[in-house]
């Protein structure tokens, strides 16, 4: 079964997996996207650069992208 990146991350987070465990699943699926625990934020933004960037979202609005 080949899951997409969003599903792997969403399911992994919902299941309480660590970033390392989610990164392993991403690698196994052939993705070059990796989560980085050293970056902060409460959401991940896909910008098409090959990585998900941590950002802060409040009331559905992007308030900071400095993650």
Protein backbone atom coordinates (compact mmCIF):
# COMPACT_ATOMS: atom_id res chain seq x y z
CA UNK A 1 0.00 0.00 0.00
CA UNK A 2 1.46 3.34 -1.05
CA UNK A 3 0.26 6.18 1.16
CA UNK A 4 0.76 9.80 0.24
CA UNK A 5 2.88 12.15 2.35
CA UNK A 6 -0.05 13.92 3.99
CA UNK A 7 -1.68 10.64 5.04
CA UNK A 8 1.56 9.27 6.48
CA UNK A 9 2.15 12.41 8.55
CA UNK A 10 -1.48 12.87 9.64
CA UNK A 11 -1.91 9.21 10.62
CA UNK A 12 1.48 9.08 12.31
CA UNK A 13 0.73 12.14 14.42
CA UNK A 14 -2.74 10.82 15.31
CA UNK A 15 -1.17 7.52 16.39
CA UNK A 16 1.37 9.31 18.60
CA UNK A 17 4.38 8.25 16.53
CA UNK A 18 7.67 10.07 16.92
CA UNK A 19 9.14 12.18 14.12
CA UNK A 20 11.76 9.44 13.64
CA UNK A 21 9.04 6.82 13.15
CA UNK A 22 7.13 9.05 10.75
CA UNK A 23 10.33 9.84 8.84
CA UNK A 24 10.98 6.10 8.47
CA UNK A 25 7.49 5.65 7.01
CA UNK A 26 8.07 8.59 4.65
CA UNK A 27 11.37 7.12 3.49
CA UNK A 28 9.79 3.70 2.99
CA UNK A 29 7.13 5.34 0.81
CA UNK A 30 9.86 6.87 -1.36
CA UNK A 31 9.37 10.44 -0.14
CA UNK A 32 12.25 12.87 0.36
CA UNK A 33 10.16 14.87 2.89
CA UNK A 34 11.35 14.63 6.51
CA UNK A 35 10.01 16.12 9.74
CA UNK A 36 12.52 18.02 11.86
CA UNK A 37 11.92 18.11 15.62
CA UNK A 38 14.28 21.08 15.98
CA UNK A 39 11.87 23.41 14.18
CA UNK A 40 8.83 24.85 15.88
CA UNK A 41 5.24 25.54 14.85
CA UNK A 42 1.76 24.06 15.19
CA UNK A 43 1.20 23.22 11.52
CA UNK A 44 3.18 22.07 8.49
CA UNK A 45 3.10 24.05 5.26
CA UNK A 46 3.91 22.42 1.94
CA UNK A 47 5.54 24.96 -0.37
CA UNK A 48 6.63 22.61 -3.14
CA UNK A 49 10.29 22.74 -2.06
CA UNK A 50 10.50 19.10 -1.00
CA UNK A 51 10.00 19.71 2.69
CA UNK A 52 7.18 20.65 5.00
CA UNK A 53 7.88 23.91 6.80
CA UNK A 54 6.61 24.41 10.36
CA UNK A 55 4.38 27.45 10.72
CA UNK A 56 2.03 28.88 13.32
CA UNK A 57 -1.68 29.00 12.55
CA UNK A 58 -4.19 30.78 14.81
CA UNK A 59 -7.92 30.77 14.07
CA UNK A 60 -7.24 29.30 10.63
CA UNK A 61 -4.78 32.06 9.65
CA UNK A 62 -1.05 31.80 9.08
CA UNK A 63 0.52 34.08 11.69
CA UNK A 64 4.19 33.13 11.45
CA UNK A 65 6.34 31.21 9.04
CA UNK A 66 9.65 31.59 10.78
CA UNK A 67 9.73 27.98 12.07
